[in-house]
Amino acid sequence: MSDTPDSAVRTYIAEHRGAFLGDLAEWLRIPSVSAQPEHDKDVRRSAEWLAAKLAETGFPTAEVWEVPPAAPGAPQGAPAVFAEWPSADPDAPTVLVYGHHDVQPAAREDGWDTDPFEPVVREGRMYGRGAADDKGQVLFHTLGVRAHLAATGRTSPAVNLKLLVEGEEESGSPHFRALVEQRRDRLAADVVIVSDTGMWSETTPTVCTGMRGLADCEIELYGPDQDIHSGSFGGAVPNPATVAARIVAALHDEDERVAVPGFYDGVREPTATERELLAELPFDESEWLRTAKSYGTFGEAGHTTLERIWTRPTAEVNGIGGGYQGPGGKTIIPASARLKLSFRLVAGQDLDRVEEAVRAWVASRVPAGIRHEIAFGAATRPCLTPLDHPALQSLARSMSRAFDGQKIRFTREGGSGPAADLQDVLGAPVLFLGVSVPSDGWHAPNEKVELALLLKGVETAAYLWDDLAGALQ
């Protein structure tokens, strides 16, 4: 348990609130859109701004890291920021905080009420691109560590504190794993804290415990060398579009489980405790369906909706095509057809084994006379931190203190992100500290952050370093 006094932390945050929000507004004015080449200089300016701010905060090391191209002749990656503040305690554990400083594209004509890169504060919220995703949630660590020092009288953090702030997360993190592997020694840590996530709601503070992984593939099916007459040849040669349809139809069994042999090998089933904790969340299925723009739930038998999107692996058809698509009829056997499939993976599944299983299953379903090619894209590994891990319990305690003793509940994320690369390369558990809420509108017009919640993130960070130091020693 942290010895950091709550009153001292809250007093320090209140006294420095204005300067902190001024810094955030200044950073949000930099349109660091990594997906648009015309903003390459702005992404670099954003990295340099952050490095300077971290040095001003007190980090003895604050560097802009160049990201090498993925291949000779390819464009260079967007710059990342690394900072380090060693603890005076020689036995202190090391914590790495991850976030990103690039943002999604935004323009007034997209539906913004104000200029997306000229932040405004209204009714306790700051509006601007990156306010929640992810500049606000990166910057709260600057005030958090200062509050931690002021309240404890320390001159250095209770942990060896490192930050890695990526510059191309919104572009798919194409160089991130290579960067982590290249800088593995500098990034070594006992625990990774990801501050690029959120909570269940304004009134239900939560900690995410894991994210699913992702593998995707494209399948090309080739039949005749050209489209041929279905009257002259139909029924006597195989049709690649029919084969594509049969592959899709066979992808799931009658219980909506993925029918690829070996797909579930190693899957870590949710424990009874985990299922009970998920069931405690105030989940409104009707409201969730409205958000999903859908009209009924569906999925693997024996699991709730939250379990399906957080704890179970899936297979989805992302696209299917082939043959004539124009108006009217065209009686042909098409020369080719194609499928796009994606697989969300959970802890325990091995990416290479899943890919091998899918390749073998597809090959087994392709008849003679049809050639096929299957290509997998870059994959993302799943990550999961056990509920009884001392670092996770430390984070939950710290957040509970910031939220006036409220019980902290646990969630997972159904999507995928670069956090798993940190876990995989560094061999450290990944925790998620985020205070954004669904209404913040990530990637949407009028993105905002609730200022009261952002300051709760500051407060959580202020308590966390002392608590983690005790929990991990």
Protein backbone atom coordinates (compact mmCIF):
# COMPACT_ATOMS: atom_id res chain seq x y z
CA MET A 1 0.00 0.00 0.00
CA SER A 2 1.33 3.45 -0.89
CA ASP A 3 2.31 5.85 1.90
CA THR A 4 1.62 8.83 -0.36
CA PRO A 5 -0.86 11.09 1.53
CA ASP A 6 -4.06 11.65 -0.41
CA SER A 7 -4.56 15.22 0.77
CA ALA A 8 -1.07 16.28 -0.30
CA VAL A 9 -1.55 14.75 -3.74
CA ARG A 10 -4.91 16.42 -4.26
CA THR A 11 -3.64 19.79 -3.05
CA TYR A 12 -0.69 19.65 -5.45
CA ILE A 13 -2.91 18.68 -8.39
CA ALA A 14 -5.39 21.47 -7.62
CA GLU A 15 -2.58 24.04 -7.44
CA HIS A 16 -1.10 22.96 -10.78
CA ARG A 17 -4.31 22.15 -12.65
CA GLY A 18 -4.30 25.34 -14.73
CA ALA A 19 -0.72 24.98 -15.93
CA PHE A 20 -1.30 21.32 -16.76
CA LEU A 21 -4.38 22.05 -18.86
CA GLY A 22 -2.54 24.90 -20.56
CA ASP A 23 0.24 22.49 -21.52
CA LEU A 24 -2.29 20.01 -22.87
CA ALA A 25 -4.00 22.66 -24.98
CA GLU A 26 -0.63 23.75 -26.37
CA TRP A 27 0.21 20.16 -27.37
CA LEU A 28 -3.22 19.57 -28.92
CA ARG A 29 -2.62 22.54 -31.25
CA ILE A 30 0.08 20.50 -33.00
CA PRO A 31 -1.74 18.47 -35.73
CA SER A 32 0.39 15.35 -35.41
CA VAL A 33 -1.55 13.24 -37.93
CA SER A 34 0.74 10.35 -38.76
CA ALA A 35 -1.47 9.04 -41.59
CA GLN A 36 -1.09 12.19 -43.71
CA PRO A 37 2.37 12.89 -45.18
CA GLU A 38 1.69 16.63 -45.20
CA HIS A 39 1.78 16.47 -41.40
CA ASP A 40 5.13 14.69 -41.11
CA LYS A 41 6.76 17.86 -39.79
CA ASP A 42 3.96 18.29 -37.27
CA VAL A 43 4.46 14.74 -35.97
CA ARG A 44 8.14 15.55 -35.47
CA ARG A 45 7.24 18.86 -33.82
CA SER A 46 4.91 16.97 -31.47
CA ALA A 47 7.70 14.57 -30.49
CA GLU A 48 10.11 17.45 -29.85
CA TRP A 49 7.48 19.30 -27.80
CA LEU A 50 6.91 16.24 -25.61
CA ALA A 51 10.61 15.55 -25.11
CA ALA A 52 11.12 19.14 -23.99
CA LYS A 53 8.11 18.95 -21.63
CA LEU A 54 9.37 15.71 -20.06
CA ALA A 55 12.79 17.29 -19.51
CA GLU A 56 11.07 20.28 -17.92
CA THR A 57 9.08 17.89 -15.70
CA GLY A 58 12.35 16.53 -14.33
CA PHE A 59 13.22 13.47 -16.41
CA PRO A 60 17.03 13.44 -16.65
CA THR A 61 16.77 11.63 -19.98
CA ALA A 62 14.30 12.74 -22.64
CA GLU A 63 15.10 11.78 -26.22
CA VAL A 64 13.45 11.79 -29.63
CA TRP A 65 14.07 8.39 -31.16
CA GLU A 66 14.32 8.06 -34.90
CA VAL A 67 12.45 5.06 -36.27
CA PRO A 68 14.29 3.29 -39.11
CA PRO A 69 12.49 2.31 -42.32
CA ALA A 70 11.01 -1.17 -42.52
CA ALA A 71 13.14 -1.96 -45.57
CA PRO A 72 15.86 -0.26 -47.66
CA GLY A 73 14.30 2.53 -49.69
CA ALA A 74 11.10 2.55 -47.63
CA PRO A 75 9.97 5.72 -45.83
CA GLN A 76 11.36 6.36 -42.36
CA GLY A 77 8.98 5.82 -39.47
CA ALA A 78 7.56 8.65 -37.39
CA PRO A 79 9.67 9.65 -34.37
CA ALA A 80 9.01 8.24 -30.91
CA VAL A 81 9.88 9.78 -27.55
CA PHE A 82 11.76 8.01 -24.78
CA ALA A 83 12.27 9.36 -21.26
CA GLU A 84 13.80 7.87 -18.13
CA TRP A 85 13.91 8.93 -14.48
CA PRO A 86 15.88 6.48 -12.31
CA SER A 87 14.91 6.00 -8.69
CA ALA A 88 17.38 6.73 -5.89
CA ASP A 89 16.42 3.34 -4.43
CA PRO A 90 18.83 0.74 -5.85
CA ASP A 91 16.24 -2.02 -5.39
CA ALA A 92 13.39 -0.15 -7.07
CA PRO A 93 11.46 -1.98 -9.78
CA THR A 94 11.35 -0.55 -13.28
CA VAL A 95 8.12 0.59 -14.91
CA LEU A 96 7.67 1.48 -18.58
CA VAL A 97 4.70 3.69 -19.54
CA TYR A 98 3.48 3.41 -23.13
CA GLY A 99 1.35 5.88 -25.09
CA HIS A 100 1.32 7.63 -28.46
CA HIS A 101 1.53 11.23 -29.57
CA ASP A 102 0.13 10.92 -33.09
CA VAL A 103 -3.58 11.50 -33.73
CA GLN A 104 -6.30 10.63 -36.20
CA PRO A 105 -7.06 12.96 -39.14
CA ALA A 106 -9.58 15.69 -38.35
CA ALA A 107 -11.15 18.63 -40.18
CA ARG A 108 -13.92 21.07 -39.33
CA GLU A 109 -16.03 19.82 -42.25
CA ASP A 110 -16.08 16.31 -40.74
CA GLY A 111 -18.71 17.54 -38.29
CA TRP A 112 -16.64 19.32 -35.66
CA ASP A 113 -18.33 22.19 -33.84
CA THR A 114 -14.98 23.96 -33.53
CA ASP A 115 -11.51 23.75 -35.07
CA PRO A 116 -10.25 20.26 -34.05
CA PHE A 117 -6.75 21.62 -33.47
CA GLU A 118 -7.80 24.65 -31.46
CA PRO A 119 -8.89 23.11 -28.15
CA VAL A 120 -11.77 24.62 -26.22
CA VAL A 121 -13.09 23.93 -22.72
CA ARG A 122 -16.85 23.74 -22.20
CA GLU A 123 -18.80 22.38 -19.23
CA GLY A 124 -15.81 20.59 -17.70
CA ARG A 125 -14.62 19.03 -20.94
CA MET A 126 -11.73 19.82 -23.25
CA TYR A 127 -12.54 19.33 -26.93
CA GLY A 128 -9.80 18.72 -29.48
CA ARG A 129 -8.24 15.97 -31.54
CA GLY A 130 -6.05 13.89 -29.23
CA ALA A 131 -7.62 15.18 -26.00
CA ALA A 132 -8.42 11.60 -24.97
CA ASP A 133 -6.61 9.55 -27.62
CA ASP A 134 -3.91 9.81 -26.52
CA LYS A 135 -2.22 13.10 -25.62
CA GLY A 136 -4.30 13.75 -22.52
CA GLN A 137 -3.61 10.28 -21.16
CA VAL A 138 0.12 10.57 -21.87
CA LEU A 139 0.48 14.02 -20.37
CA PHE A 140 -1.25 13.19 -17.10
CA HIS A 141 1.88 11.26 -16.16
CA THR A 142 3.89 14.51 -16.06
CA LEU A 143 1.68 15.99 -13.35
CA GLY A 144 1.25 12.60 -11.68
CA VAL A 145 4.96 12.07 -11.09
CA ARG A 146 5.39 15.64 -9.82
CA ALA A 147 2.50 15.15 -7.38
CA HIS A 148 4.07 11.86 -6.27
CA LEU A 149 7.37 13.63 -5.52
CA ALA A 150 5.78 16.61 -3.80
CA ALA A 151 3.59 14.47 -1.55
CA THR A 152 6.37 12.06 -0.51
CA GLY A 153 9.26 14.50 -0.31
CA ARG A 154 11.25 12.42 -2.77
CA THR A 155 13.65 13.86 -5.31
CA SER A 156 13.20 10.88 -7.64
CA PRO A 157 10.33 8.44 -8.19
CA ALA A 158 9.81 5.35 -6.05
CA VAL A 159 10.29 3.29 -9.22
CA ASN A 160 12.68 3.55 -12.13
CA LEU A 161 10.25 5.32 -14.44
CA LYS A 162 10.50 5.10 -18.23
CA LEU A 163 8.18 6.41 -20.95
CA LEU A 164 7.90 5.29 -24.57
CA VAL A 165 5.53 7.44 -26.62
CA GLU A 166 5.02 6.19 -30.16
CA GLY A 167 4.49 8.41 -33.19
CA GLU A 168 2.54 6.15 -35.55
CA GLU A 169 0.03 4.16 -33.52
CA GLU A 170 -2.83 5.68 -35.50
CA SER A 171 -1.18 4.37 -38.67
CA GLY A 172 -1.03 0.78 -37.46
CA SER A 173 2.34 0.88 -35.64
CA PRO A 174 4.17 -0.50 -38.70
CA HIS A 175 7.64 -0.07 -37.18
CA PHE A 176 6.82 -0.49 -33.50
CA ARG A 177 7.89 -4.07 -32.88
CA ALA A 178 11.18 -3.50 -34.70
CA LEU A 179 11.78 -0.40 -32.58
CA VAL A 180 11.10 -2.30 -29.35
CA GLU A 181 13.40 -5.13 -30.43
CA GLN A 182 16.13 -2.68 -31.44
CA ARG A 183 15.90 -0.76 -28.15
CA ARG A 184 15.14 -3.74 -25.93
CA ASP A 185 17.94 -2.98 -23.45
CA ARG A 186 16.87 0.64 -22.94
CA LEU A 187 13.21 -0.39 -22.57
CA ALA A 188 13.72 -3.29 -20.15
CA ALA A 189 11.11 -3.17 -17.39
CA ASP A 190 9.42 -5.25 -14.73
CA VAL A 191 5.97 -3.90 -15.63
CA VAL A 192 4.48 -2.05 -18.60
CA ILE A 193 1.69 0.50 -18.06
CA VAL A 194 -0.34 1.30 -21.17
CA SER A 195 -2.14 4.64 -20.97
CA ASP A 196 -4.07 4.36 -24.22
CA THR A 197 -7.33 2.88 -23.04
CA GLY A 198 -10.44 3.75 -21.09
CA MET A 199 -12.96 2.90 -18.41
CA TRP A 200 -16.42 1.38 -18.56
CA SER A 201 -18.18 4.68 -17.77
CA GLU A 202 -17.97 7.90 -15.79
CA THR A 203 -19.47 6.16 -12.75
CA THR A 204 -17.85 2.73 -13.11
CA PRO A 205 -14.04 2.95 -12.92
CA THR A 206 -12.38 -0.09 -14.40
CA VAL A 207 -8.98 -1.53 -15.25
CA CYS A 208 -8.45 -3.46 -18.48
CA THR A 209 -6.59 -6.73 -18.00
CA GLY A 210 -5.92 -7.79 -21.57
CA MET A 211 -6.42 -7.42 -25.30
CA ARG A 212 -7.07 -9.94 -28.03
CA GLY A 213 -4.55 -10.57 -30.76
CA LEU A 214 -5.19 -10.42 -34.49
CA ALA A 215 -4.28 -12.47 -37.55
CA ASP A 216 -5.72 -11.83 -40.99
CA CYS A 217 -5.38 -13.38 -44.40
CA GLU A 218 -6.43 -13.04 -48.02
CA ILE A 219 -7.32 -16.14 -50.03
CA GLU A 220 -7.27 -16.11 -53.83
CA LEU A 221 -9.02 -18.95 -55.66
CA TYR A 222 -8.34 -19.58 -59.36
CA GLY A 223 -10.39 -21.79 -61.68
CA PRO A 224 -10.50 -21.44 -65.48
CA ASP A 225 -7.94 -19.18 -67.13
CA GLN A 226 -10.78 -16.79 -68.01
CA ASP A 227 -14.50 -16.38 -67.38
CA ILE A 228 -16.29 -19.12 -69.30
CA HIS A 229 -19.86 -19.85 -70.45
CA SER A 230 -21.88 -21.49 -67.67
CA GLY A 231 -24.10 -23.27 -70.19
CA SER A 232 -21.26 -24.86 -72.09
CA PHE A 233 -19.11 -25.70 -69.08
CA GLY A 234 -21.22 -25.37 -65.92
CA GLY A 235 -21.49 -28.53 -63.84
CA ALA A 236 -18.36 -29.99 -65.44
CA VAL A 237 -15.56 -27.76 -64.07
CA PRO A 238 -15.14 -26.38 -60.55
CA ASN A 239 -16.38 -22.85 -59.83
CA PRO A 240 -14.04 -20.75 -57.63
CA ALA A 241 -16.93 -18.59 -56.39
CA THR A 242 -18.75 -21.70 -55.18
CA VAL A 243 -15.59 -22.89 -53.45
CA ALA A 244 -15.28 -19.49 -51.71
CA ALA A 245 -18.88 -19.74 -50.52
CA ARG A 246 -18.32 -23.27 -49.21
CA ILE A 247 -15.21 -22.19 -47.28
CA VAL A 248 -17.19 -19.40 -45.65
CA ALA A 249 -20.11 -21.72 -44.87
CA ALA A 250 -17.77 -24.22 -43.21
CA LEU A 251 -15.89 -21.67 -41.11
CA HIS A 252 -18.15 -22.16 -38.04
CA ASP A 253 -19.99 -25.17 -36.64
CA GLU A 254 -23.61 -25.28 -35.43
CA ASP A 255 -22.54 -23.73 -32.08
CA GLU A 256 -20.73 -20.87 -33.86
CA ARG A 257 -17.35 -22.20 -32.80
CA VAL A 258 -14.54 -21.83 -35.33
CA ALA A 259 -14.39 -25.14 -37.19
CA VAL A 260 -10.68 -25.01 -38.09
CA PRO A 261 -9.04 -28.07 -36.43
CA GLY A 262 -6.50 -26.97 -33.81
CA PHE A 263 -7.78 -23.39 -33.69
CA TYR A 264 -8.59 -23.55 -29.97
CA ASP A 265 -5.33 -25.24 -28.95
CA GLY A 266 -3.95 -23.50 -25.85
CA VAL A 267 -6.91 -21.16 -25.32
CA ARG A 268 -7.09 -20.00 -21.72
CA GLU A 269 -10.71 -20.33 -20.69
CA PRO A 270 -12.04 -17.58 -18.41
CA THR A 271 -12.07 -18.71 -14.81
CA ALA A 272 -15.24 -18.80 -12.77
CA THR A 273 -14.04 -15.69 -10.93
CA GLU A 274 -13.41 -13.85 -14.18
CA ARG A 275 -16.86 -14.71 -15.46
CA GLU A 276 -18.42 -13.53 -12.21
CA LEU A 277 -16.55 -10.23 -12.38
CA LEU A 278 -17.62 -9.63 -15.97
CA ALA A 279 -21.21 -10.35 -14.98
CA GLU A 280 -20.99 -7.61 -12.32
CA LEU A 281 -20.51 -4.90 -14.95
CA PRO A 282 -23.62 -2.81 -15.63
CA PHE A 283 -24.00 -4.13 -19.17
CA ASP A 284 -27.13 -3.10 -21.06
CA GLU A 285 -27.42 -5.37 -24.09
CA SER A 286 -30.06 -3.21 -25.80
CA GLU A 287 -27.87 -0.13 -25.50
CA TRP A 288 -24.87 -2.12 -26.72
CA LEU A 289 -26.82 -3.25 -29.78
CA ARG A 290 -27.74 0.34 -30.56
CA THR A 291 -24.06 1.26 -30.41
CA ALA A 292 -23.30 -1.71 -32.68
CA LYS A 293 -26.03 -0.57 -35.12
CA SER A 294 -27.24 -4.17 -34.99
CA TYR A 295 -30.50 -5.97 -34.24
CA GLY A 296 -29.59 -9.10 -32.33
CA THR A 297 -26.71 -10.76 -30.53
CA PHE A 298 -25.00 -13.79 -32.01
CA GLY A 299 -21.96 -15.94 -31.37
CA GLU A 300 -20.38 -18.91 -29.67
CA ALA A 301 -22.88 -20.89 -27.63
CA GLY A 302 -22.45 -20.94 -23.86
CA HIS A 303 -20.94 -17.47 -23.54
CA THR A 304 -22.33 -14.03 -22.80
CA THR A 305 -21.88 -11.11 -25.15
CA LEU A 306 -19.05 -9.62 -23.08
CA GLU A 307 -17.32 -12.99 -22.90
CA ARG A 308 -17.60 -13.36 -26.67
CA ILE A 309 -15.96 -10.01 -27.43
CA TRP A 310 -13.34 -10.11 -24.69
CA THR A 311 -12.41 -13.69 -23.80
CA ARG A 312 -13.14 -15.83 -26.87
CA PRO A 313 -11.26 -16.21 -30.16
CA THR A 314 -13.22 -15.50 -33.33
CA ALA A 315 -13.15 -15.84 -37.10
CA GLU A 316 -14.81 -13.23 -39.30
CA VAL A 317 -15.38 -12.86 -43.02
CA ASN A 318 -14.27 -9.33 -43.84
CA GLY A 319 -14.85 -9.58 -47.55
CA ILE A 320 -15.90 -12.00 -50.29
CA GLY A 321 -15.92 -11.42 -54.01
CA GLY A 322 -15.65 -12.94 -57.46
CA GLY A 323 -17.54 -13.12 -60.71
CA TYR A 324 -19.90 -10.64 -62.28
CA GLN A 325 -21.10 -7.80 -60.04
CA GLY A 326 -22.78 -5.47 -62.55
CA PRO A 327 -26.48 -4.95 -63.33
CA GLY A 328 -28.44 -7.77 -64.91
CA GLY A 329 -27.23 -11.30 -65.43
CA LYS A 330 -24.04 -12.66 -66.92
CA THR A 331 -24.03 -16.43 -67.11
CA ILE A 332 -20.41 -17.29 -66.45
CA ILE A 333 -18.17 -19.44 -64.35
CA PRO A 334 -15.75 -16.81 -63.02
CA ALA A 335 -12.02 -17.25 -63.40
CA SER A 336 -11.35 -16.33 -59.78
CA ALA A 337 -12.78 -15.48 -56.38
CA ARG A 338 -11.32 -14.08 -53.19
CA LEU A 339 -11.85 -13.99 -49.45
CA LYS A 340 -10.60 -11.78 -46.65
CA LEU A 341 -10.67 -13.41 -43.21
CA SER A 342 -9.56 -12.18 -39.80
CA PHE A 343 -9.09 -14.02 -36.52
CA ARG A 344 -9.17 -12.44 -33.07
CA LEU A 345 -6.99 -14.46 -30.73
CA VAL A 346 -6.86 -14.82 -26.95
CA ALA A 347 -4.18 -15.69 -24.43
CA GLY A 348 -2.71 -19.14 -24.94
CA GLN A 349 -3.09 -19.24 -28.70
CA ASP A 350 0.09 -19.34 -30.75
CA LEU A 351 0.10 -17.15 -33.87
CA ASP A 352 2.24 -19.51 -35.94
CA ARG A 353 0.10 -22.54 -35.04
CA VAL A 354 -3.10 -20.67 -35.89
CA GLU A 355 -1.69 -19.68 -39.27
CA GLU A 356 -0.59 -23.26 -39.98
CA ALA A 357 -4.01 -24.59 -38.96
CA VAL A 358 -5.86 -22.14 -41.22
CA ARG A 359 -3.57 -22.88 -44.18
CA ALA A 360 -4.09 -26.63 -43.78
CA TRP A 361 -7.86 -26.27 -43.36
CA VAL A 362 -8.24 -24.08 -46.45
CA ALA A 363 -6.11 -26.45 -48.51
CA SER A 364 -8.29 -29.38 -47.41
CA ARG A 365 -11.41 -27.62 -48.70
CA VAL A 366 -10.09 -26.68 -52.15
CA PRO A 367 -11.03 -29.30 -54.76
CA ALA A 368 -8.90 -30.49 -57.67
CA GLY A 369 -9.01 -28.03 -60.53
CA ILE A 370 -8.86 -24.97 -58.26
CA ARG A 371 -5.55 -23.31 -57.44
CA HIS A 372 -5.34 -21.19 -54.34
CA GLU A 373 -2.99 -18.74 -52.68
CA ILE A 374 -3.22 -17.60 -49.08
CA ALA A 375 -1.28 -14.67 -47.63
CA PHE A 376 -1.24 -13.57 -43.99
CA GLY A 377 -0.57 -10.00 -42.93
CA ALA A 378 1.42 -8.82 -39.93
CA ALA A 379 -0.11 -10.30 -36.78
CA THR A 380 -0.65 -8.97 -33.26
CA ARG A 381 -0.28 -11.22 -30.24
CA PRO A 382 -2.85 -11.32 -27.45
CA CYS A 383 -1.92 -10.18 -23.95
CA LEU A 384 -3.49 -10.93 -20.58
CA THR A 385 -2.51 -10.09 -17.00
CA PRO A 386 -3.85 -12.51 -14.34
CA LEU A 387 -6.25 -10.95 -11.84
CA ASP A 388 -4.06 -11.96 -8.91
CA HIS A 389 -0.88 -10.37 -10.28
CA PRO A 390 0.53 -8.02 -7.59
CA ALA A 391 1.09 -5.20 -10.10
CA LEU A 392 -2.54 -5.36 -11.22
CA GLN A 393 -3.72 -5.29 -7.64
CA SER A 394 -1.47 -2.29 -7.04
CA LEU A 395 -3.03 -0.44 -9.95
CA ALA A 396 -6.55 -1.25 -8.74
CA ARG A 397 -5.73 0.03 -5.24
CA SER A 398 -4.28 3.25 -6.61
CA MET A 399 -7.26 3.88 -8.83
CA SER A 400 -9.67 3.12 -6.00
CA ARG A 401 -7.99 5.78 -3.86
CA ALA A 402 -8.31 8.32 -6.67
CA PHE A 403 -12.00 7.45 -7.05
CA ASP A 404 -12.75 7.91 -3.34
CA GLY A 405 -12.71 4.25 -2.41
CA GLN A 406 -14.95 2.97 -5.20
CA LYS A 407 -14.61 -0.68 -6.11
CA ILE A 408 -12.53 -1.08 -9.26
CA ARG A 409 -13.91 -3.60 -11.70
CA PHE A 410 -12.05 -5.38 -14.48
CA THR A 411 -12.62 -5.45 -18.22
CA ARG A 412 -10.80 -6.62 -21.31
CA GLU A 413 -10.54 -5.12 -24.79
CA GLY A 414 -11.93 -6.94 -27.79
CA GLY A 415 -9.63 -5.16 -30.20
CA SER A 416 -5.89 -5.38 -30.67
CA GLY A 417 -2.94 -3.04 -30.25
CA PRO A 418 0.83 -2.80 -29.85
CA ALA A 419 0.73 -3.58 -26.13
CA ALA A 420 1.23 -7.27 -26.86
CA ASP A 421 4.53 -6.52 -28.61
CA LEU A 422 5.82 -4.92 -25.41
CA GLN A 423 4.77 -7.97 -23.40
CA ASP A 424 6.24 -10.36 -25.94
CA VAL A 425 9.59 -8.63 -26.53
CA LEU A 426 10.24 -7.34 -23.01
CA GLY A 427 8.75 -10.32 -21.15
CA ALA A 428 6.91 -8.01 -18.75
CA PRO A 429 3.23 -8.01 -17.74
CA VAL A 430 1.11 -5.28 -19.32
CA LEU A 431 -1.32 -3.21 -17.26
CA PHE A 432 -3.76 -0.64 -18.59
CA LEU A 433 -4.24 2.72 -16.88
CA GLY A 434 -6.78 4.82 -18.75
CA VAL A 435 -9.55 7.18 -17.68
CA SER A 436 -11.24 7.89 -20.99
CA VAL A 437 -14.92 6.99 -21.36
CA PRO A 438 -16.97 5.89 -24.40
CA SER A 439 -18.54 9.32 -24.85
CA ASP A 440 -15.10 10.85 -25.48
CA GLY A 441 -15.47 10.02 -29.17
CA TRP A 442 -12.10 8.59 -30.11
CA HIS A 443 -11.49 9.01 -33.86
CA ALA A 444 -14.79 10.90 -34.18
CA PRO A 445 -15.74 14.57 -34.58
CA ASN A 446 -15.77 16.58 -31.33
CA GLU A 447 -13.38 14.28 -29.48
CA LYS A 448 -13.14 15.40 -25.87
CA VAL A 449 -11.86 14.43 -22.46
CA GLU A 450 -13.68 14.80 -19.15
CA LEU A 451 -11.36 17.02 -17.13
CA ALA A 452 -12.45 15.60 -13.77
CA LEU A 453 -11.60 12.10 -14.98
CA LEU A 454 -8.31 13.22 -16.51
CA LEU A 455 -7.29 14.56 -13.10
CA LYS A 456 -8.32 11.22 -11.57
CA GLY A 457 -5.75 9.70 -13.92
CA VAL A 458 -3.17 12.15 -12.59
CA GLU A 459 -4.06 11.16 -9.03
CA THR A 460 -3.92 7.43 -9.78
CA ALA A 461 -0.44 7.82 -11.23
CA ALA A 462 0.65 9.82 -8.18
CA TYR A 463 -0.30 6.95 -5.86
CA LEU A 464 0.81 4.16 -8.17
CA TRP A 465 4.59 4.50 -8.11
CA ASP A 466 4.85 4.12 -4.32
CA ASP A 467 2.37 1.26 -4.33
CA LEU A 468 4.12 -0.60 -7.14
CA ALA A 469 7.49 -0.17 -5.47
CA GLY A 470 6.17 -1.95 -2.40
CA ALA A 471 4.22 -4.61 -4.32
CA LEU A 472 7.08 -5.68 -6.58
CA GLN A 473 10.04 -5.64 -4.17
